[in-house]
């Protein structure tokens, strides 16, 4: 503290007479004024300055300053002197049954003084002593004003810090959340933000699917073993199996629990598995309803959540709804773009890459071949007997056959070689990895042998063959267009000769 504390009155020596101790209550008021003008005290500082004077004047044995939460109406002890009594808070609360400007409430050896400033009650000063009736009204009112002023100043500083903290939290959450590419990413961000916002050691989050079952679990501050247990316990389970989920999903509002022991929780869920003693549960809501929940808390002990915590939780819940909806729209948009891209580069019947995909991939491969001096092989393939299948079994069987051929081709070549459908019953295989002519012919032979094996289509046995033309880079062609023409000519030569593999020369 910036000023010294006096525990005894000053002595003044009058001329011609003995030393006289001035009025102790007047001295208290003078010291309070001096102290408050020189320092920015805490409530405990003011009480420590006041208590010795009141001990001498009023037989003070204990004192407590209660701070009043104007929103919840709850009183919290913010400074104490001596040993508190079991009935202290009840006695202090009696002051609210009297008019705001009324006298202090006296109950036995206790006095409850309402602390007001600017027409607003900010707390209660509770004194316990044997001679409280000796306190002058001026002393009581001046003390009350100093305590009220200190409480108001500290409340304003707390509010300033809360606004700065919540504004920073919400801004960072918004900035990062609006770039989240999936609902899972957005929800994980919310879990981390909640742990930071409420300064908790643990935050857990889960999301549900359209059937209301938990499909994604994420944790912050989880021990690895506990994380595995929680994931194993929750994945696939209905969210409504949790009393906490039912409470927040039903109300759409955060749930603040100071003592988890007094609240029912899911067996094997976040609270029970991690031994959480106090927590905040925040619903993650989208336009379609509650899609998830964030639970953040501590394992060290119970915790009194404030009205400011509730306000911040409500802000995060609202922000979380925006972030989840935005992430869902971005996710849907990306899935739509991926599907459009897939459709543009893949055959709709077989799922194989189409002609455009083959051209793009082959042109890149040719450039790499030029740069590295490596070889490529292109195999063009036409099915033998496909028309007869369409004519005898039906076009539906022909489509099924093409799908089965596509699967066999993919199972015959190795990665990263590319199998594509060019249209009708014509396919292509691009061999990379520096194949020579012998390797290309061997690959074509394997394909022919594999396709000669019978196909079972809706209980009917179907047999076909293949004609394959092979073109090599750079021995047969130095650009992909020429490779295509050469392989096509070799394929028709093979077809005229009954099938098999032919190399372009």
Foldseek 3Di string as FASTA:
>chain_A
DPDDADLAFDWDQDPPDHTDGDDLLVVLLVVLVVVVVPDLDALQVLCVRNVSSCCVQFVWAKKWKWFADPVPRDTDTDYMDHDDDPCQVVQLVVQVVDDPPDDWDDDQQKTKDFQDDPRDTGIIMITGGDGPVRDDPVSRVSSSPSSNVSSVVVVVVVVVVLVVLLVVLLVVLLVVLLVAQALLSNQQSLQVSVCVSVVFQKKKKFFADPVQATADIDMHNDDPVLVVQLCVVGHGHHPVLFPLSCVCQVVVAKDWFQACVVPGTHVSHDCVSVQFGTWIKHFQAEPVGTGMIMIGGYNPHGDDDDVSNRVSSRVSNVSSHVSSHSSHVSNVVVVVVVVVVQPVQADPLQSFGEPVVVQVVVQVQLVVCVVPVAKKKKKKKAKACLVVCCVPVHVVLSSVVLNVLSVVLVVLDDPPWGWYAHDDRMIMIMDDDRDDPVVVLVSQQSSQVSQQDWDQDPNDTDGIGMFMEMEMPPVRHSGVVSRVVQRVVQSVVQVVVPHGYGYGD
